[in-house]
Amino acid sequence: MKGRETEAKFLVKDPSVQRRIASLNALGPFRLIRRQSERQQNIYWDTPDLRLRRAQAALKVRRVGSRTEMTFKREISYRRGVSHRIEVTVPVRMSVLLSIRPGGRLHRGSAPLIEPIQRSKKITGNCPLQEVLTLRTFRRKRLFACGRQRIELDLDRVVVQKGGKAVAMHHEVELENLSASEELFREALGALKRRFGRGLRSFRIPKYEIGLRLLKSMERDKGSGV
């Protein structure tokens, strides 16, 4: 899938806020039409010196059940609390992922250069890509409709892993515009803020960046003996 992603993101300190949001049946002019939950494993790739991160881009492999896909994202603008990103997602087979490894590294020519990797390589050049972060996400999806226009509300519990163990966690809420006009999307966003604004903190930082920051903070605290 090629296209752009338009969404607003919020950090949530109190998980009870997420539970209240999860019970919504309407959001501005939109009405709830479907609920869904899924467990994700997201493995992020970057160069040893994090060139994708510095370019506000990300390359990840997501596994949900038997489905595996690879995504490239890069922010192109941020306006009035809403991020606009390039997003390219393609399904991938395990054989492709195995050819990317061994050792969790990708050199030019060592694996099929599917489009997300091609886009990443335009930023990283010949520098090898490697696994740098694993996040496990429990996501509750809420799909809302207003006529034929759609928005999606995602309620995420995100666990940062290191060495296969959970080392940090945060909660966030995302409101994504799937096919709505900007005006109606802004109406829904305004309704969410008015009702839950005290429990939500608007932020721009993607999960990849938050995960890296939490890892760095944990390692700093460990080094200082905290």
N, C-alpha and C. Protein backbone atom coordinates (compact mmCIF):
# COMPACT_ATOMS: atom_id res chain seq x y z
N MET A 1 0.83 -1.19 0.00
CA MET A 1 0.00 0.00 0.00
C MET A 1 0.87 1.24 0.00
N LYS A 2 0.58 2.17 -0.91
CA LYS A 2 1.30 3.43 -0.97
C LYS A 2 0.36 4.55 -0.57
N GLY A 3 0.90 5.57 0.02
CA GLY A 3 0.05 6.70 0.32
C GLY A 3 0.61 7.55 1.42
N ARG A 4 -0.30 8.27 2.06
CA ARG A 4 0.08 9.15 3.15
C ARG A 4 -0.75 8.83 4.38
N GLU A 5 -0.16 9.07 5.51
CA GLU A 5 -0.81 8.85 6.79
C GLU A 5 -1.04 10.22 7.44
N THR A 6 -2.26 10.44 7.91
CA THR A 6 -2.60 11.67 8.60
C THR A 6 -3.17 11.30 9.96
N GLU A 7 -2.51 11.73 11.03
CA GLU A 7 -2.98 11.32 12.35
C GLU A 7 -2.56 12.31 13.43
N ALA A 8 -3.30 12.28 14.52
CA ALA A 8 -2.96 13.01 15.74
C ALA A 8 -2.65 11.98 16.82
N LYS A 9 -1.62 12.27 17.63
CA LYS A 9 -1.17 11.31 18.64
C LYS A 9 -1.22 11.96 20.02
N PHE A 10 -1.50 11.11 21.03
CA PHE A 10 -1.56 11.58 22.40
C PHE A 10 -0.91 10.56 23.33
N LEU A 11 -0.14 11.04 24.29
CA LEU A 11 0.35 10.19 25.37
C LEU A 11 -0.70 10.17 26.48
N VAL A 12 -0.82 9.02 27.13
CA VAL A 12 -1.80 8.84 28.19
C VAL A 12 -1.07 8.33 29.43
N LYS A 13 -1.16 9.08 30.53
CA LYS A 13 -0.51 8.64 31.77
C LYS A 13 -1.40 7.71 32.58
N ASP A 14 -2.71 7.95 32.53
CA ASP A 14 -3.65 7.15 33.31
C ASP A 14 -4.39 6.18 32.38
N PRO A 15 -4.12 4.87 32.48
CA PRO A 15 -4.78 3.90 31.59
C PRO A 15 -6.30 3.94 31.66
N SER A 16 -6.87 4.47 32.75
CA SER A 16 -8.34 4.53 32.85
C SER A 16 -8.91 5.47 31.80
N VAL A 17 -8.12 6.45 31.35
CA VAL A 17 -8.56 7.35 30.28
C VAL A 17 -8.77 6.54 29.00
N GLN A 18 -7.84 5.64 28.71
CA GLN A 18 -8.00 4.78 27.54
C GLN A 18 -9.27 3.94 27.63
N ARG A 19 -9.55 3.42 28.80
CA ARG A 19 -10.74 2.59 28.95
C ARG A 19 -12.01 3.40 28.69
N ARG A 20 -12.03 4.64 29.12
CA ARG A 20 -13.20 5.48 28.87
C ARG A 20 -13.32 5.82 27.38
N ILE A 21 -12.18 6.08 26.75
CA ILE A 21 -12.21 6.37 25.31
C ILE A 21 -12.68 5.13 24.54
N ALA A 22 -12.25 3.95 24.99
CA ALA A 22 -12.62 2.71 24.30
C ALA A 22 -14.12 2.47 24.29
N SER A 23 -14.84 3.09 25.22
CA SER A 23 -16.29 2.86 25.31
C SER A 23 -17.09 3.83 24.44
N LEU A 24 -16.41 4.76 23.73
CA LEU A 24 -17.13 5.74 22.92
C LEU A 24 -17.93 5.06 21.80
N ASN A 25 -19.12 5.56 21.57
CA ASN A 25 -19.93 5.12 20.44
C ASN A 25 -20.04 6.19 19.36
N ALA A 26 -19.56 7.39 19.68
CA ALA A 26 -19.59 8.49 18.72
C ALA A 26 -18.41 9.40 19.00
N LEU A 27 -17.97 10.09 17.94
CA LEU A 27 -16.87 11.04 18.05
C LEU A 27 -17.16 12.18 17.08
N GLY A 28 -17.63 13.31 17.62
CA GLY A 28 -18.06 14.38 16.73
C GLY A 28 -19.18 13.88 15.83
N PRO A 29 -19.08 14.11 14.51
CA PRO A 29 -20.14 13.66 13.59
C PRO A 29 -20.04 12.18 13.23
N PHE A 30 -19.05 11.47 13.75
CA PHE A 30 -18.81 10.07 13.38
C PHE A 30 -19.47 9.12 14.38
N ARG A 31 -19.88 7.95 13.87
CA ARG A 31 -20.49 6.92 14.69
C ARG A 31 -19.67 5.64 14.59
N LEU A 32 -19.58 4.94 15.74
CA LEU A 32 -18.81 3.70 15.79
C LEU A 32 -19.45 2.63 14.92
N ILE A 33 -18.62 1.96 14.08
CA ILE A 33 -19.15 0.87 13.26
C ILE A 33 -18.42 -0.45 13.48
N ARG A 34 -17.22 -0.40 14.11
CA ARG A 34 -16.52 -1.68 14.33
C ARG A 34 -15.49 -1.55 15.45
N ARG A 35 -15.40 -2.61 16.25
CA ARG A 35 -14.35 -2.74 17.26
C ARG A 35 -13.45 -3.92 16.90
N GLN A 36 -12.18 -3.79 17.18
CA GLN A 36 -11.24 -4.87 16.88
C GLN A 36 -10.01 -4.72 17.78
N SER A 37 -9.41 -5.83 18.13
CA SER A 37 -8.17 -5.81 18.93
C SER A 37 -7.13 -6.69 18.26
N GLU A 38 -5.86 -6.34 18.44
CA GLU A 38 -4.78 -7.16 17.88
C GLU A 38 -3.51 -6.98 18.70
N ARG A 39 -2.67 -8.01 18.64
CA ARG A 39 -1.35 -7.95 19.28
C ARG A 39 -0.29 -7.90 18.19
N GLN A 40 0.57 -6.91 18.28
CA GLN A 40 1.59 -6.68 17.25
C GLN A 40 2.99 -6.88 17.83
N GLN A 41 3.88 -7.35 16.97
CA GLN A 41 5.31 -7.26 17.22
C GLN A 41 5.89 -6.36 16.13
N ASN A 42 6.53 -5.28 16.53
CA ASN A 42 7.11 -4.33 15.59
C ASN A 42 8.62 -4.28 15.78
N ILE A 43 9.35 -4.68 14.74
CA ILE A 43 10.82 -4.67 14.79
C ILE A 43 11.31 -3.54 13.89
N TYR A 44 12.04 -2.60 14.48
CA TYR A 44 12.52 -1.43 13.74
C TYR A 44 13.97 -1.63 13.31
N TRP A 45 14.23 -1.16 12.09
CA TRP A 45 15.56 -1.27 11.49
C TRP A 45 16.13 0.13 11.27
N ASP A 46 17.44 0.23 11.45
CA ASP A 46 18.12 1.50 11.20
C ASP A 46 19.60 1.21 11.05
N THR A 47 20.37 2.22 10.72
CA THR A 47 21.82 2.07 10.65
C THR A 47 22.40 2.16 12.06
N PRO A 48 23.65 1.74 12.26
CA PRO A 48 24.25 1.85 13.60
C PRO A 48 24.25 3.28 14.12
N ASP A 49 24.35 4.27 13.24
CA ASP A 49 24.33 5.68 13.68
C ASP A 49 22.94 6.31 13.53
N LEU A 50 21.90 5.49 13.32
CA LEU A 50 20.50 5.91 13.34
C LEU A 50 20.21 7.01 12.31
N ARG A 51 20.55 6.76 11.06
CA ARG A 51 20.32 7.75 10.01
C ARG A 51 18.84 7.94 9.70
N LEU A 52 18.06 6.85 9.77
CA LEU A 52 16.63 6.99 9.53
C LEU A 52 15.99 7.84 10.62
N ARG A 53 16.35 7.59 11.85
CA ARG A 53 15.81 8.38 12.96
C ARG A 53 16.11 9.86 12.78
N ARG A 54 17.32 10.18 12.38
CA ARG A 54 17.70 11.59 12.21
C ARG A 54 16.93 12.24 11.06
N ALA A 55 16.50 11.42 10.08
CA ALA A 55 15.75 11.93 8.94
C ALA A 55 14.24 11.89 9.19
N GLN A 56 13.83 11.63 10.44
CA GLN A 56 12.41 11.52 10.80
C GLN A 56 11.71 10.46 9.97
N ALA A 57 12.41 9.34 9.79
CA ALA A 57 11.89 8.21 9.03
C ALA A 57 11.99 6.95 9.88
N ALA A 58 11.30 5.91 9.44
CA ALA A 58 11.35 4.63 10.16
C ALA A 58 11.09 3.50 9.18
N LEU A 59 11.75 2.37 9.43
CA LEU A 59 11.54 1.13 8.68
C LEU A 59 11.24 0.05 9.69
N LYS A 60 10.09 -0.63 9.53
CA LYS A 60 9.73 -1.64 10.52
C LYS A 60 9.12 -2.86 9.86
N VAL A 61 9.24 -3.98 10.53
CA VAL A 61 8.55 -5.22 10.18
C VAL A 61 7.51 -5.47 11.26
N ARG A 62 6.26 -5.60 10.86
CA ARG A 62 5.17 -5.84 11.81
C ARG A 62 4.61 -7.23 11.61
N ARG A 63 4.44 -7.95 12.72
CA ARG A 63 3.80 -9.26 12.69
C ARG A 63 2.54 -9.22 13.54
N VAL A 64 1.43 -9.62 12.92
CA VAL A 64 0.15 -9.73 13.60
C VAL A 64 -0.42 -11.09 13.24
N GLY A 65 -0.39 -12.02 14.18
CA GLY A 65 -0.82 -13.38 13.88
C GLY A 65 0.07 -13.96 12.79
N SER A 66 -0.54 -14.46 11.70
CA SER A 66 0.23 -15.04 10.60
C SER A 66 0.61 -14.01 9.54
N ARG A 67 0.18 -12.76 9.74
CA ARG A 67 0.45 -11.71 8.75
C ARG A 67 1.73 -10.96 9.09
N THR A 68 2.57 -10.79 8.07
CA THR A 68 3.81 -10.03 8.24
C THR A 68 3.90 -8.98 7.15
N GLU A 69 4.26 -7.77 7.52
CA GLU A 69 4.37 -6.69 6.55
C GLU A 69 5.53 -5.77 6.91
N MET A 70 6.03 -5.08 5.91
CA MET A 70 7.12 -4.14 6.11
C MET A 70 6.64 -2.74 5.73
N THR A 71 7.01 -1.75 6.55
CA THR A 71 6.53 -0.38 6.35
C THR A 71 7.69 0.61 6.42
N PHE A 72 7.67 1.56 5.51
CA PHE A 72 8.54 2.73 5.57
C PHE A 72 7.66 3.95 5.83
N LYS A 73 8.08 4.80 6.79
CA LYS A 73 7.36 6.03 7.08
C LYS A 73 8.35 7.19 7.16
N ARG A 74 7.87 8.37 6.73
CA ARG A 74 8.68 9.58 6.90
C ARG A 74 7.75 10.78 7.01
N GLU A 75 7.96 11.57 8.04
CA GLU A 75 7.11 12.74 8.23
C GLU A 75 7.43 13.80 7.19
N ILE A 76 6.37 14.41 6.66
CA ILE A 76 6.56 15.48 5.68
C ILE A 76 6.04 16.83 6.20
N SER A 77 5.14 16.80 7.19
CA SER A 77 4.69 18.06 7.78
C SER A 77 3.97 17.79 9.09
N TYR A 78 3.87 18.84 9.90
CA TYR A 78 3.15 18.76 11.17
C TYR A 78 2.44 20.10 11.36
N ARG A 79 1.12 20.06 11.46
CA ARG A 79 0.36 21.30 11.53
C ARG A 79 -0.82 21.15 12.48
N ARG A 80 -0.88 22.06 13.46
CA ARG A 80 -1.99 22.12 14.41
C ARG A 80 -2.26 20.76 15.07
N GLY A 81 -1.18 20.11 15.49
CA GLY A 81 -1.31 18.87 16.22
C GLY A 81 -1.50 17.63 15.38
N VAL A 82 -1.40 17.75 14.06
CA VAL A 82 -1.63 16.60 13.16
C VAL A 82 -0.39 16.38 12.31
N SER A 83 0.09 15.13 12.30
CA SER A 83 1.25 14.75 11.48
C SER A 83 0.79 14.21 10.13
N HIS A 84 1.56 14.56 9.10
CA HIS A 84 1.33 14.03 7.76
C HIS A 84 2.61 13.30 7.35
N ARG A 85 2.48 12.02 7.00
CA ARG A 85 3.65 11.20 6.70
C ARG A 85 3.46 10.45 5.38
N ILE A 86 4.58 10.22 4.71
CA ILE A 86 4.61 9.23 3.64
C ILE A 86 4.59 7.85 4.30
N GLU A 87 3.78 6.95 3.78
CA GLU A 87 3.71 5.60 4.33
C GLU A 87 3.62 4.60 3.18
N VAL A 88 4.54 3.64 3.16
CA VAL A 88 4.54 2.57 2.16
C VAL A 88 4.60 1.25 2.91
N THR A 89 3.56 0.42 2.74
CA THR A 89 3.48 -0.87 3.43
C THR A 89 3.29 -1.97 2.40
N VAL A 90 4.07 -3.04 2.54
CA VAL A 90 3.93 -4.19 1.63
C VAL A 90 3.96 -5.47 2.46
N PRO A 91 3.18 -6.49 2.07
CA PRO A 91 3.29 -7.78 2.75
C PRO A 91 4.63 -8.43 2.40
N VAL A 92 5.20 -9.14 3.35
CA VAL A 92 6.48 -9.83 3.10
C VAL A 92 6.38 -11.27 3.59
N ARG A 93 7.11 -12.13 2.92
CA ARG A 93 7.16 -13.53 3.31
C ARG A 93 8.31 -13.76 4.27
N MET A 94 8.20 -14.82 5.05
CA MET A 94 9.26 -15.15 5.99
C MET A 94 10.57 -15.41 5.27
N SER A 95 10.51 -15.94 4.04
CA SER A 95 11.74 -16.21 3.30
C SER A 95 12.52 -14.94 3.03
N VAL A 96 11.79 -13.83 2.79
CA VAL A 96 12.45 -12.55 2.59
C VAL A 96 13.10 -12.08 3.88
N LEU A 97 12.38 -12.24 5.01
CA LEU A 97 12.95 -11.82 6.28
C LEU A 97 14.17 -12.64 6.64
N LEU A 98 14.13 -13.93 6.35
CA LEU A 98 15.29 -14.76 6.65
C LEU A 98 16.50 -14.36 5.79
N SER A 99 16.23 -13.88 4.57
CA SER A 99 17.34 -13.46 3.71
C SER A 99 17.92 -12.12 4.17
N ILE A 100 17.12 -11.33 4.91
CA ILE A 100 17.63 -10.08 5.47
C ILE A 100 18.65 -10.38 6.57
N ARG A 101 18.35 -11.34 7.39
CA ARG A 101 19.30 -11.76 8.41
C ARG A 101 20.38 -12.60 7.75
N PRO A 102 21.38 -13.24 8.13
CA PRO A 102 21.62 -13.56 9.53
C PRO A 102 22.25 -12.40 10.29
N GLY A 103 22.15 -12.49 11.59
CA GLY A 103 22.74 -11.48 12.43
C GLY A 103 21.94 -10.20 12.47
N GLY A 104 20.73 -10.21 11.87
CA GLY A 104 19.90 -9.02 11.93
C GLY A 104 20.49 -7.83 11.21
N ARG A 105 21.20 -8.07 10.08
CA ARG A 105 21.82 -6.97 9.35
C ARG A 105 21.44 -7.08 7.87
N LEU A 106 21.35 -5.94 7.24
CA LEU A 106 21.01 -5.88 5.83
C LEU A 106 22.04 -5.03 5.11
N HIS A 107 22.78 -5.63 4.18
CA HIS A 107 23.71 -4.91 3.33
C HIS A 107 23.11 -4.79 1.94
N ARG A 108 23.59 -3.83 1.18
CA ARG A 108 23.12 -3.70 -0.19
C ARG A 108 23.37 -5.00 -0.95
N GLY A 109 22.33 -5.52 -1.57
CA GLY A 109 22.48 -6.74 -2.36
C GLY A 109 22.28 -8.01 -1.57
N SER A 110 22.08 -7.89 -0.24
CA SER A 110 21.96 -9.11 0.56
C SER A 110 20.52 -9.61 0.66
N ALA A 111 19.56 -8.84 0.15
CA ALA A 111 18.16 -9.25 0.22
C ALA A 111 17.38 -8.52 -0.87
N PRO A 112 16.21 -9.03 -1.25
CA PRO A 112 15.39 -8.33 -2.24
C PRO A 112 15.08 -6.91 -1.76
N LEU A 113 15.33 -5.92 -2.59
CA LEU A 113 15.10 -4.53 -2.21
C LEU A 113 13.65 -4.15 -2.51
N ILE A 114 12.74 -4.62 -1.68
CA ILE A 114 11.35 -4.24 -1.83
C ILE A 114 11.23 -2.75 -1.49
N GLU A 115 10.09 -2.16 -1.86
CA GLU A 115 10.00 -0.69 -1.84
C GLU A 115 10.33 -0.05 -0.50
N PRO A 116 9.84 -0.54 0.65
CA PRO A 116 10.23 0.11 1.91
C PRO A 116 11.75 0.14 2.12
N ILE A 117 12.43 -0.94 1.70
CA ILE A 117 13.89 -0.96 1.83
C ILE A 117 14.52 -0.01 0.83
N GLN A 118 14.00 0.04 -0.37
CA GLN A 118 14.52 0.96 -1.38
C GLN A 118 14.43 2.40 -0.88
N ARG A 119 13.32 2.78 -0.31
CA ARG A 119 13.15 4.14 0.20
C ARG A 119 14.11 4.40 1.36
N SER A 120 14.29 3.39 2.22
CA SER A 120 15.23 3.56 3.33
C SER A 120 16.66 3.75 2.83
N LYS A 121 17.02 2.99 1.78
CA LYS A 121 18.38 3.05 1.26
C LYS A 121 18.69 4.40 0.62
N LYS A 122 17.65 5.12 0.17
CA LYS A 122 17.88 6.46 -0.37
C LYS A 122 18.38 7.41 0.72
N ILE A 123 18.07 7.06 1.97
CA ILE A 123 18.53 7.86 3.11
C ILE A 123 19.84 7.32 3.67
N THR A 124 19.95 5.99 3.76
CA THR A 124 21.09 5.39 4.44
C THR A 124 22.26 5.06 3.52
N GLY A 125 22.03 5.05 2.19
CA GLY A 125 23.11 4.73 1.26
C GLY A 125 23.61 3.31 1.45
N ASN A 126 24.92 3.14 1.45
CA ASN A 126 25.52 1.81 1.56
C ASN A 126 25.66 1.32 3.00
N CYS A 127 25.30 2.15 3.95
CA CYS A 127 25.44 1.76 5.35
C CYS A 127 24.45 0.62 5.66
N PRO A 128 24.91 -0.44 6.31
CA PRO A 128 24.02 -1.58 6.58
C PRO A 128 22.91 -1.21 7.56
N LEU A 129 21.75 -1.83 7.36
CA LEU A 129 20.63 -1.70 8.29
C LEU A 129 20.66 -2.86 9.27
N GLN A 130 20.24 -2.60 10.49
CA GLN A 130 20.21 -3.66 11.49
C GLN A 130 19.01 -3.46 12.42
N GLU A 131 18.61 -4.51 13.12
CA GLU A 131 17.53 -4.40 14.08
C GLU A 131 18.00 -3.56 15.26
N VAL A 132 17.20 -2.54 15.60
CA VAL A 132 17.62 -1.66 16.69
C VAL A 132 16.59 -1.57 17.81
N LEU A 133 15.35 -2.00 17.55
CA LEU A 133 14.31 -1.84 18.57
C LEU A 133 13.17 -2.79 18.30
N THR A 134 12.65 -3.39 19.37
CA THR A 134 11.45 -4.24 19.26
C THR A 134 10.39 -3.72 20.21
N LEU A 135 9.21 -3.49 19.67
CA LEU A 135 8.07 -3.05 20.46
C LEU A 135 6.94 -4.07 20.31
N ARG A 136 6.32 -4.42 21.43
CA ARG A 136 5.10 -5.24 21.38
C ARG A 136 3.93 -4.35 21.76
N THR A 137 2.92 -4.34 20.91
CA THR A 137 1.80 -3.43 21.09
C THR A 137 0.49 -4.20 21.16
N PHE A 138 -0.28 -3.93 22.22
CA PHE A 138 -1.66 -4.42 22.27
C PHE A 138 -2.52 -3.25 21.82
N ARG A 139 -3.21 -3.40 20.70
CA ARG A 139 -3.98 -2.30 20.08
C ARG A 139 -5.47 -2.62 20.09
N ARG A 140 -6.24 -1.67 20.57
CA ARG A 140 -7.70 -1.72 20.45
C ARG A 140 -8.09 -0.71 19.38
N LYS A 141 -8.68 -1.20 18.29
CA LYS A 141 -9.08 -0.35 17.17
C LYS A 141 -10.56 -0.03 17.26
N ARG A 142 -10.86 1.22 16.92
CA ARG A 142 -12.25 1.64 16.82
C ARG A 142 -12.42 2.36 15.48
N LEU A 143 -13.29 1.81 14.62
CA LEU A 143 -13.54 2.42 13.32
C LEU A 143 -14.84 3.21 13.40
N PHE A 144 -14.78 4.47 12.97
CA PHE A 144 -15.95 5.36 13.00
C PHE A 144 -16.27 5.82 11.57
N ALA A 145 -17.55 6.05 11.32
CA ALA A 145 -17.99 6.46 9.99
C ALA A 145 -18.95 7.63 10.08
N CYS A 146 -18.87 8.48 9.07
CA CYS A 146 -19.85 9.55 8.85
C CYS A 146 -20.19 9.48 7.36
N GLY A 147 -21.28 8.82 7.02
CA GLY A 147 -21.53 8.52 5.62
C GLY A 147 -20.45 7.58 5.12
N ARG A 148 -19.78 7.96 4.05
CA ARG A 148 -18.70 7.13 3.50
C ARG A 148 -17.33 7.51 4.03
N GLN A 149 -17.28 8.51 4.89
CA GLN A 149 -16.01 8.97 5.42
C GLN A 149 -15.64 8.18 6.67
N ARG A 150 -14.35 7.83 6.79
CA ARG A 150 -13.89 6.96 7.86
C ARG A 150 -12.71 7.57 8.63
N ILE A 151 -12.72 7.33 9.95
CA ILE A 151 -11.57 7.63 10.79
C ILE A 151 -11.34 6.42 11.69
N GLU A 152 -10.11 6.28 12.20
CA GLU A 152 -9.80 5.16 13.08
C GLU A 152 -9.17 5.68 14.36
N LEU A 153 -9.66 5.18 15.47
CA LEU A 153 -9.14 5.52 16.79
C LEU A 153 -8.41 4.30 17.33
N ASP A 154 -7.11 4.45 17.62
CA ASP A 154 -6.30 3.34 18.11
C ASP A 154 -5.85 3.61 19.54
N LEU A 155 -6.06 2.64 20.40
CA LEU A 155 -5.68 2.72 21.81
C LEU A 155 -4.58 1.70 22.04
N ASP A 156 -3.36 2.16 22.30
CA ASP A 156 -2.19 1.29 22.31
C ASP A 156 -1.53 1.20 23.69
N ARG A 157 -1.21 -0.02 24.08
CA ARG A 157 -0.29 -0.26 25.20
C ARG A 157 1.00 -0.78 24.58
N VAL A 158 2.07 -0.02 24.69
CA VAL A 158 3.31 -0.30 23.97
C VAL A 158 4.40 -0.74 24.96
N VAL A 159 4.96 -1.92 24.74
CA VAL A 159 6.01 -2.47 25.59
C VAL A 159 7.32 -2.48 24.84
N VAL A 160 8.34 -1.87 25.43
CA VAL A 160 9.69 -1.86 24.85
C VAL A 160 10.42 -3.11 25.32
N GLN A 161 11.00 -3.84 24.37
CA GLN A 161 11.72 -5.06 24.73
C GLN A 161 13.22 -4.92 24.49
N LYS A 162 13.98 -5.60 25.32
CA LYS A 162 15.42 -5.71 25.13
C LYS A 162 15.84 -7.10 25.58
N GLY A 163 16.49 -7.83 24.66
CA GLY A 163 16.88 -9.19 24.99
C GLY A 163 15.70 -10.09 25.25
N GLY A 164 14.56 -9.80 24.60
CA GLY A 164 13.37 -10.61 24.79
C GLY A 164 12.59 -10.32 26.05
N LYS A 165 13.03 -9.33 26.83
CA LYS A 165 12.35 -8.98 28.08
C LYS A 165 11.74 -7.59 28.00
N ALA A 166 10.61 -7.41 28.67
CA ALA A 166 9.97 -6.10 28.73
C ALA A 166 10.76 -5.21 29.69
N VAL A 167 11.13 -4.02 29.21
CA VAL A 167 11.94 -3.12 30.04
C VAL A 167 11.27 -1.76 30.26
N ALA A 168 10.26 -1.43 29.48
CA ALA A 168 9.56 -0.15 29.64
C ALA A 168 8.21 -0.26 28.95
N MET A 169 7.30 0.67 29.30
CA MET A 169 5.97 0.65 28.71
C MET A 169 5.39 2.05 28.70
N HIS A 170 4.57 2.34 27.69
CA HIS A 170 3.80 3.58 27.69
C HIS A 170 2.47 3.34 27.00
N HIS A 171 1.53 4.27 27.20
CA HIS A 171 0.20 4.19 26.60
C HIS A 171 -0.01 5.40 25.69
N GLU A 172 -0.65 5.16 24.57
CA GLU A 172 -0.94 6.28 23.68
C GLU A 172 -2.26 6.06 22.94
N VAL A 173 -2.76 7.16 22.41
CA VAL A 173 -3.99 7.18 21.61
C VAL A 173 -3.67 7.84 20.28
N GLU A 174 -4.14 7.24 19.19
CA GLU A 174 -3.94 7.81 17.86
C GLU A 174 -5.29 7.95 17.17
N LEU A 175 -5.50 9.09 16.56
CA LEU A 175 -6.68 9.30 15.73
C LEU A 175 -6.21 9.50 14.31
N GLU A 176 -6.57 8.55 13.43
CA GLU A 176 -6.08 8.57 12.04
C GLU A 176 -7.22 8.88 11.08
N ASN A 177 -6.91 9.72 10.11
CA ASN A 177 -7.87 10.05 9.07
C ASN A 177 -7.72 9.05 7.93
N LEU A 178 -8.71 8.19 7.74
CA LEU A 178 -8.65 7.19 6.68
C LEU A 178 -9.19 7.73 5.37
N SER A 179 -10.34 8.40 5.42
CA SER A 179 -10.94 8.90 4.17
C SER A 179 -11.86 10.09 4.40
N ALA A 180 -11.69 10.79 5.52
CA ALA A 180 -12.57 11.92 5.84
C ALA A 180 -12.00 13.22 5.30
N SER A 181 -12.87 14.21 5.15
CA SER A 181 -12.40 15.55 4.81
C SER A 181 -11.64 16.11 6.00
N GLU A 182 -10.76 17.07 5.74
CA GLU A 182 -10.00 17.67 6.85
C GLU A 182 -10.94 18.31 7.85
N GLU A 183 -12.02 18.93 7.36
CA GLU A 183 -12.96 19.60 8.25
C GLU A 183 -13.61 18.63 9.22
N LEU A 184 -14.10 17.49 8.72
CA LEU A 184 -14.75 16.52 9.61
C LEU A 184 -13.74 15.85 10.53
N PHE A 185 -12.54 15.59 10.02
CA PHE A 185 -11.50 15.01 10.87
C PHE A 185 -11.18 15.95 12.02
N ARG A 186 -11.08 17.24 11.74
CA ARG A 186 -10.80 18.23 12.78
C ARG A 186 -11.95 18.29 13.79
N GLU A 187 -13.18 18.11 13.32
CA GLU A 187 -14.32 18.09 14.24
C GLU A 187 -14.20 16.93 15.21
N ALA A 188 -13.86 15.75 14.69
CA ALA A 188 -13.70 14.58 15.55
C ALA A 188 -12.55 14.78 16.53
N LEU A 189 -11.45 15.34 16.05
CA LEU A 189 -10.29 15.59 16.91
C LEU A 189 -10.66 16.58 18.01
N GLY A 190 -11.40 17.62 17.65
CA GLY A 190 -11.84 18.59 18.65
C GLY A 190 -12.73 17.97 19.70
N ALA A 191 -13.63 17.08 19.28
CA ALA A 191 -14.52 16.40 20.22
C ALA A 191 -13.73 15.54 21.20
N LEU A 192 -12.71 14.85 20.70
CA LEU A 192 -11.87 14.02 21.56
C LEU A 192 -11.13 14.88 22.59
N LYS A 193 -10.59 15.99 22.16
CA LYS A 193 -9.85 16.88 23.07
C LYS A 193 -10.77 17.50 24.11
N ARG A 194 -11.95 17.93 23.70
CA ARG A 194 -12.86 18.56 24.66
C ARG A 194 -13.29 17.60 25.77
N ARG A 195 -13.48 16.35 25.40
CA ARG A 195 -13.99 15.39 26.38
C ARG A 195 -12.89 14.80 27.26
N PHE A 196 -11.70 14.59 26.68
CA PHE A 196 -10.65 13.90 27.43
C PHE A 196 -9.35 14.71 27.52
N GLY A 197 -9.41 15.99 27.18
CA GLY A 197 -8.20 16.80 27.08
C GLY A 197 -7.28 16.75 28.28
N ARG A 198 -7.84 16.72 29.49
CA ARG A 198 -7.01 16.71 30.69
C ARG A 198 -6.21 15.42 30.83
N GLY A 199 -6.70 14.34 30.22
CA GLY A 199 -5.99 13.06 30.34
C GLY A 199 -5.12 12.73 29.14
N LEU A 200 -5.08 13.64 28.15
CA LEU A 200 -4.31 13.40 26.94
C LEU A 200 -3.26 14.49 26.77
N ARG A 201 -2.06 14.09 26.35
CA ARG A 201 -1.01 15.06 26.04
C ARG A 201 -0.62 14.92 24.58
N SER A 202 -0.96 15.93 23.79
CA SER A 202 -0.65 15.90 22.37
C SER A 202 0.85 15.86 22.16
N PHE A 203 1.30 15.00 21.23
CA PHE A 203 2.73 14.94 20.95
C PHE A 203 2.96 14.50 19.51
N ARG A 204 4.15 14.76 19.06
CA ARG A 204 4.50 14.53 17.66
C ARG A 204 5.38 13.30 17.47
N ILE A 205 5.99 12.86 18.54
CA ILE A 205 7.05 11.85 18.47
C ILE A 205 6.47 10.47 18.13
N PRO A 206 7.01 9.77 17.12
CA PRO A 206 6.52 8.43 16.78
C PRO A 206 6.98 7.38 17.79
N LYS A 207 6.36 6.21 17.72
CA LYS A 207 6.70 5.13 18.66
C LYS A 207 8.18 4.77 18.62
N TYR A 208 8.77 4.79 17.43
CA TYR A 208 10.19 4.44 17.29
C TYR A 208 11.04 5.36 18.16
N GLU A 209 10.78 6.65 18.09
CA GLU A 209 11.55 7.62 18.86
C GLU A 209 11.31 7.46 20.36
N ILE A 210 10.04 7.27 20.74
CA ILE A 210 9.75 7.08 22.16
C ILE A 210 10.46 5.85 22.70
N GLY A 211 10.42 4.75 21.94
CA GLY A 211 11.08 3.52 22.37
C GLY A 211 12.57 3.70 22.56
N LEU A 212 13.23 4.39 21.62
CA LEU A 212 14.66 4.63 21.75
C LEU A 212 14.98 5.49 22.96
N ARG A 213 14.14 6.49 23.20
CA ARG A 213 14.36 7.37 24.36
C ARG A 213 14.19 6.61 25.67
N LEU A 214 13.17 5.75 25.73
CA LEU A 214 12.97 4.96 26.95
C LEU A 214 14.13 4.01 27.19
N LEU A 215 14.65 3.39 26.12
CA LEU A 215 15.81 2.52 26.27
C LEU A 215 17.02 3.29 26.77
N LYS A 216 17.25 4.45 26.20
CA LYS A 216 18.39 5.27 26.60
C LYS A 216 18.26 5.69 28.06
N SER A 217 17.05 6.07 28.46
CA SER A 217 16.82 6.48 29.84
C SER A 217 17.06 5.32 30.81
N MET A 218 16.57 4.12 30.41
CA MET A 218 16.77 2.96 31.25
C MET A 218 18.25 2.62 31.42
N GLU A 219 18.99 2.69 30.31
CA GLU A 219 20.43 2.38 30.35
C GLU A 219 21.18 3.43 31.17
N ARG A 220 20.75 4.70 31.10
CA ARG A 220 21.39 5.75 31.88
C ARG A 220 21.14 5.55 33.37
N ASP A 221 19.89 5.18 33.71
CA ASP A 221 19.57 4.93 35.11
C ASP A 221 20.34 3.72 35.65
N LYS A 222 20.48 2.69 34.80
CA LYS A 222 21.22 1.51 35.20
C LYS A 222 22.69 1.84 35.43
N GLY A 223 23.24 2.68 34.55
CA GLY A 223 24.64 3.07 34.69
C GLY A 223 24.92 3.91 35.91
N SER A 224 23.90 4.67 36.34
CA SER A 224 24.08 5.53 37.51
C SER A 224 23.71 4.82 38.81
N GLY A 225 23.22 3.57 38.67
CA GLY A 225 22.89 2.80 39.85
C GLY A 225 21.54 3.12 40.44
N VAL A 226 20.68 3.82 39.67
CA VAL A 226 19.36 4.18 40.16
C VAL A 226 18.48 2.94 40.28
